[in-house]
Each structure stands twice: as structure tokens, then as C-alpha cells.
Amino acid sequence: MCTALFRSLPALLSACLLASCASPPPPKDLSYVALLESPDGTVGKVVVKGSKGEQIIDQARYGALLDGSAAPAAVDELTLQRDFADARAARPELPVHYILYFETGGAQLTPESQALLPRIVDAASKRSSVDVSITGHSDTVGKAEVNEALSLKRAQVVAELIKAQGLKVDQVSVESHGERNLLIPTPDETPEPRNRRVEITIR
């Protein structure tokens, strides 16, 4: 993902999320686009086409004028903060993902996964609005229809556990993928601990 910011002086007109963004040290009366690094540290690319040319911004914290008249240039943090503070503050929080694993043949979490529950609840409690998706999975041991039901049971158990730990959410969705969406591809009737899991996404 790339984050690109657009500024038109004297007023900030808009901000868009493209990949990673930067901004130029533009003349004070011209609009420009800035490219920032993504939350994971990667940097995308932005092509700026204007009446006076085309520029490619591919370095974080670089920017180019909207008319394409000048090569991208570095933008210092003070300028970025001054020009894009509102746009940066308005960016939505990214989803966070967790995987919890189970003992074989049932809905009992492994001790390591049980220990993760407080961290999950803490992460969710820091958000102003919480939407939690919980998806159960199984390995390929046993009949597919039984694994479908087992996966749903695992997801339901996790939903109850995080609620019991005080998680207040706006919406919780629970579903089962059974053995249809293996994390580790295996032949049928293969006990694979990493496939006995519940995936949690917090938005």
C-alpha cells in the first residue's frame, strides 16, 4: 500500500491513500503531491502528470509539483506536518490480525494461544470502534462436514473467550472454513497443527 498526499495552497484540498507518499518543498503558491512510507515500511510509487510534464515519485518523503514541471525533491518532516497534519490524522487505523491454534480434535486452545488473548483484547480496546471477524479452520483429519462444524465451534469458543475478558465490540462475525482453506497445504487425513486455527481480524 502506498500513501500519497496532495496539497493545494492555500488550503489543503484532499489526501489520498495510494501506496506510500512524499511531498516536495514546493513554491508556496503551487500544489504538490507527497509520498510517505506505508505502515509496514515499504514505499510505493506515484506518477504525477501535469501540464508541464510527468514525474515519478518513488522515494518516501519526496514530493513533486502537480504541474509536473520539476523533479521530485525531499520534503522535511516539519513541512509534511504543516501541510498534511489533518490528512494524516484522518487516516483510518489498519486492521490487525491474529492466529490462535488448537489442540487436536477439539476446541481447546494451545497454552501459547490462550496466553495471547489478553493482548488481543488490549489491541481491540484501544480502538474507538471495533469490528471483529473470527474464522475457524481445521486440518484434514476426519470427515469434511465434521471439520466444518468443529471449525465453527472453535470460532465460537474464541468469541466467547474474548468477550469474557472484557472486550466490548460494535460487531462480531463468526464463520467456519472447515478444511477448505488450509494455511499449510496437506493431503487428506494429515494432522497439521498450523491448520487447526482461528484467524481473528480486528478493524
Protein backbone atom coordinates (compact mmCIF):
# COMPACT_ATOMS: atom_id res chain seq x y z
CA MET A 1 0.00 0.00 0.00
CA CYS A 2 1.23 3.48 -0.78
CA THR A 3 0.17 6.68 0.90
CA ALA A 4 0.14 9.74 -1.31
CA LEU A 5 -0.83 13.17 -0.09
CA PHE A 6 -2.00 16.03 -2.25
CA ARG A 7 -1.86 19.65 -1.20
CA SER A 8 -3.18 22.72 -2.92
CA LEU A 9 -2.29 26.00 -1.35
CA PRO A 10 -3.53 27.97 0.40
CA ALA A 11 -5.90 25.25 1.54
CA LEU A 12 -5.39 21.51 1.87
CA LEU A 13 -7.85 20.06 -0.61
CA SER A 14 -7.55 16.37 -0.24
CA ALA A 15 -5.47 13.41 0.71
CA CYS A 16 -5.50 10.02 -0.94
CA LEU A 17 -4.12 6.67 0.03
CA LEU A 18 -2.29 5.05 -2.86
CA ALA A 19 0.79 3.26 -1.57
CA SER A 20 3.43 5.28 0.24
CA CYS A 21 3.70 9.07 0.00
CA ALA A 22 6.02 12.07 -0.15
CA SER A 23 5.84 15.85 -0.60
CA PRO A 24 8.10 18.40 -2.32
CA PRO A 25 9.48 21.60 -0.98
CA PRO A 26 7.21 23.41 -3.40
CA PRO A 27 6.97 27.06 -4.18
CA LYS A 28 4.50 28.44 -1.73
CA ASP A 29 1.79 29.09 -4.29
CA LEU A 30 1.80 25.69 -6.04
CA SER A 31 0.09 22.41 -5.32
CA TYR A 32 2.10 19.25 -4.85
CA VAL A 33 1.90 15.53 -4.10
CA ALA A 34 3.90 13.89 -1.35
CA LEU A 35 4.77 10.21 -0.87
CA LEU A 36 5.04 8.57 2.55
CA GLU A 37 6.16 5.09 3.50
CA SER A 38 3.46 2.51 4.25
CA PRO A 39 2.91 1.33 7.83
CA ASP A 40 4.96 -1.79 7.06
CA GLY A 41 7.88 0.36 5.91
CA THR A 42 7.56 -0.31 2.20
CA VAL A 43 7.49 2.50 -0.33
CA GLY A 44 5.27 2.57 -3.37
CA LYS A 45 5.32 4.82 -6.39
CA VAL A 46 3.26 7.77 -7.61
CA VAL A 47 3.17 9.13 -11.15
CA VAL A 48 2.39 12.83 -11.34
CA LYS A 49 1.20 14.04 -14.76
CA GLY A 50 0.69 17.74 -15.28
CA SER A 51 0.56 20.39 -17.98
CA LYS A 52 4.32 20.77 -17.89
CA GLY A 53 5.49 17.18 -17.69
CA GLU A 54 5.44 13.87 -15.86
CA GLN A 55 7.31 12.93 -12.71
CA ILE A 56 7.64 9.66 -10.79
CA ILE A 57 7.95 9.77 -7.03
CA ASP A 58 9.45 6.55 -5.70
CA GLN A 59 11.16 7.65 -2.50
CA ALA A 60 9.44 8.20 0.81
CA ARG A 61 9.14 11.81 1.90
CA TYR A 62 9.72 13.13 -1.57
CA GLY A 63 7.25 15.23 -3.48
CA ALA A 64 6.56 16.73 -6.88
CA LEU A 65 4.61 19.69 -8.14
CA LEU A 66 1.23 18.86 -9.66
CA ASP A 67 2.09 20.50 -12.97
CA GLY A 68 4.97 18.04 -13.41
CA SER A 69 7.46 20.81 -14.05
CA ALA A 70 10.19 19.73 -11.64
CA ALA A 71 11.87 16.54 -10.50
CA PRO A 72 10.78 15.18 -7.10
CA ALA A 73 12.60 16.60 -4.12
CA ALA A 74 12.89 15.70 -0.46
CA VAL A 75 10.39 17.19 1.95
CA ASP A 76 11.30 17.65 5.58
CA GLU A 77 9.08 16.41 8.39
CA LEU A 78 8.22 19.91 9.53
CA THR A 79 6.81 20.76 6.11
CA LEU A 80 4.90 17.48 5.90
CA GLN A 81 3.40 18.05 9.30
CA ARG A 82 2.47 21.62 8.46
CA ASP A 83 0.86 20.79 5.13
CA PHE A 84 -0.68 17.37 5.82
CA ALA A 85 -1.40 17.15 9.54
CA ASP A 86 -5.17 16.92 9.05
CA ALA A 87 -4.93 14.36 6.26
CA ARG A 88 -2.53 12.18 8.24
CA ALA A 89 -4.70 12.35 11.32
CA ALA A 90 -7.76 11.29 9.30
CA ARG A 91 -6.21 8.06 8.02
CA PRO A 92 -8.14 5.03 9.33
CA GLU A 93 -6.39 2.53 11.55
CA LEU A 94 -5.19 -0.55 9.71
CA PRO A 95 -6.70 -3.92 10.59
CA VAL A 96 -4.69 -6.20 12.86
CA HIS A 97 -4.63 -9.99 12.51
CA TYR A 98 -4.04 -12.81 14.96
CA ILE A 99 -3.93 -16.58 14.62
CA LEU A 100 -4.78 -18.87 17.51
CA TYR A 101 -4.03 -22.60 17.43
CA PHE A 102 -5.86 -25.56 18.93
CA GLU A 103 -5.11 -28.92 20.37
CA THR A 104 -6.00 -31.79 18.07
CA GLY A 105 -9.60 -32.91 17.65
CA GLY A 106 -11.35 -30.24 19.69
CA ALA A 107 -11.84 -26.58 20.61
CA GLN A 108 -9.17 -26.33 23.28
CA LEU A 109 -6.62 -23.58 22.60
CA THR A 110 -2.95 -24.39 22.94
CA PRO A 111 -1.38 -22.77 26.03
CA GLU A 112 0.57 -20.34 23.81
CA SER A 113 -2.59 -19.20 22.04
CA GLN A 114 -4.52 -18.95 25.31
CA ALA A 115 -1.82 -16.57 26.53
CA LEU A 116 -2.40 -14.30 23.51
CA LEU A 117 -5.99 -13.49 24.43
CA PRO A 118 -5.20 -10.53 26.74
CA ARG A 119 -3.06 -8.95 24.01
CA ILE A 120 -5.92 -9.28 21.51
CA VAL A 121 -8.41 -7.72 23.91
CA ASP A 122 -5.96 -4.92 24.69
CA ALA A 123 -5.40 -4.17 20.99
CA ALA A 124 -9.12 -4.01 20.34
CA SER A 125 -9.87 -1.89 23.40
CA LYS A 126 -7.62 0.90 22.07
CA ARG A 127 -9.87 1.44 19.08
CA SER A 128 -12.82 3.78 19.17
CA SER A 129 -14.96 1.49 17.05
CA VAL A 130 -14.31 -2.24 16.93
CA ASP A 131 -15.37 -4.77 14.33
CA VAL A 132 -14.05 -8.30 14.93
CA SER A 133 -14.06 -11.14 12.40
CA ILE A 134 -13.36 -14.67 13.71
CA THR A 135 -12.89 -17.54 11.26
CA GLY A 136 -12.39 -21.15 12.32
CA HIS A 137 -10.32 -23.71 10.44
CA SER A 138 -9.29 -27.34 10.76
CA ASP A 139 -6.72 -29.74 9.42
CA THR A 140 -7.75 -32.56 7.07
CA VAL A 141 -8.08 -35.34 9.61
CA GLY A 142 -11.62 -36.74 9.60
CA LYS A 143 -14.70 -36.02 7.51
CA ALA A 144 -15.06 -32.61 5.90
CA GLU A 145 -18.52 -32.00 7.39
CA VAL A 146 -17.27 -32.80 10.86
CA ASN A 147 -14.35 -30.41 10.41
CA GLU A 148 -16.75 -27.72 9.23
CA ALA A 149 -18.68 -28.00 12.48
CA LEU A 150 -15.51 -28.21 14.56
CA SER A 151 -14.12 -25.06 12.95
CA LEU A 152 -17.31 -23.18 13.73
CA LYS A 153 -17.13 -24.39 17.31
CA ARG A 154 -13.56 -23.14 17.59
CA ALA A 155 -14.54 -19.70 16.30
CA GLN A 156 -17.50 -19.53 18.70
CA VAL A 157 -15.31 -20.54 21.65
CA VAL A 158 -12.81 -17.79 20.85
CA ALA A 159 -15.61 -15.23 20.51
CA GLU A 160 -16.88 -16.15 23.95
CA LEU A 161 -13.39 -16.11 25.46
CA ILE A 162 -12.55 -12.60 24.26
CA LYS A 163 -15.95 -11.31 25.35
CA ALA A 164 -15.39 -12.86 28.77
CA GLN A 165 -12.13 -10.97 29.03
CA GLY A 166 -13.98 -7.70 28.71
CA LEU A 167 -13.80 -6.94 25.01
CA LYS A 168 -16.52 -4.51 24.00
CA VAL A 169 -17.17 -4.59 20.29
CA ASP A 170 -19.60 -3.00 17.89
CA GLN A 171 -19.84 -6.09 15.74
CA VAL A 172 -18.56 -9.68 15.83
CA SER A 173 -18.82 -12.05 12.89
CA VAL A 174 -18.11 -15.76 13.30
CA GLU A 175 -17.74 -18.22 10.46
CA SER A 176 -16.25 -21.59 9.56
CA HIS A 177 -13.97 -22.52 6.70
CA GLY A 178 -13.52 -26.11 7.87
CA GLU A 179 -10.70 -27.75 5.95
CA ARG A 180 -11.40 -25.69 2.81
CA ASN A 181 -8.77 -23.01 3.43
CA LEU A 182 -5.62 -24.68 4.69
CA LEU A 183 -2.80 -22.50 5.95
CA ILE A 184 -0.40 -25.33 5.17
CA PRO A 185 -1.47 -27.40 2.14
CA THR A 186 -1.56 -31.11 3.01
CA PRO A 187 -3.07 -34.32 1.65
CA ASP A 188 -6.26 -35.63 3.22
CA GLU A 189 -6.00 -37.18 6.69
CA THR A 190 -2.91 -35.18 7.63
CA PRO A 191 -2.64 -33.85 11.18
CA GLU A 192 -1.15 -30.38 10.76
CA PRO A 193 -1.14 -28.19 13.91
CA ARG A 194 -0.91 -24.93 11.93
CA ASN A 195 -4.17 -25.72 10.14
CA ARG A 196 -6.05 -26.17 13.44
CA ARG A 197 -6.59 -22.47 13.95
CA VAL A 198 -8.84 -19.47 14.31
CA GLU A 199 -7.98 -16.28 12.48
CA ILE A 200 -9.02 -13.03 14.08
CA THR A 201 -9.17 -9.70 12.29
CA ILE A 202 -9.79 -6.52 14.27
CA ARG A 203 -10.86 -3.44 12.32
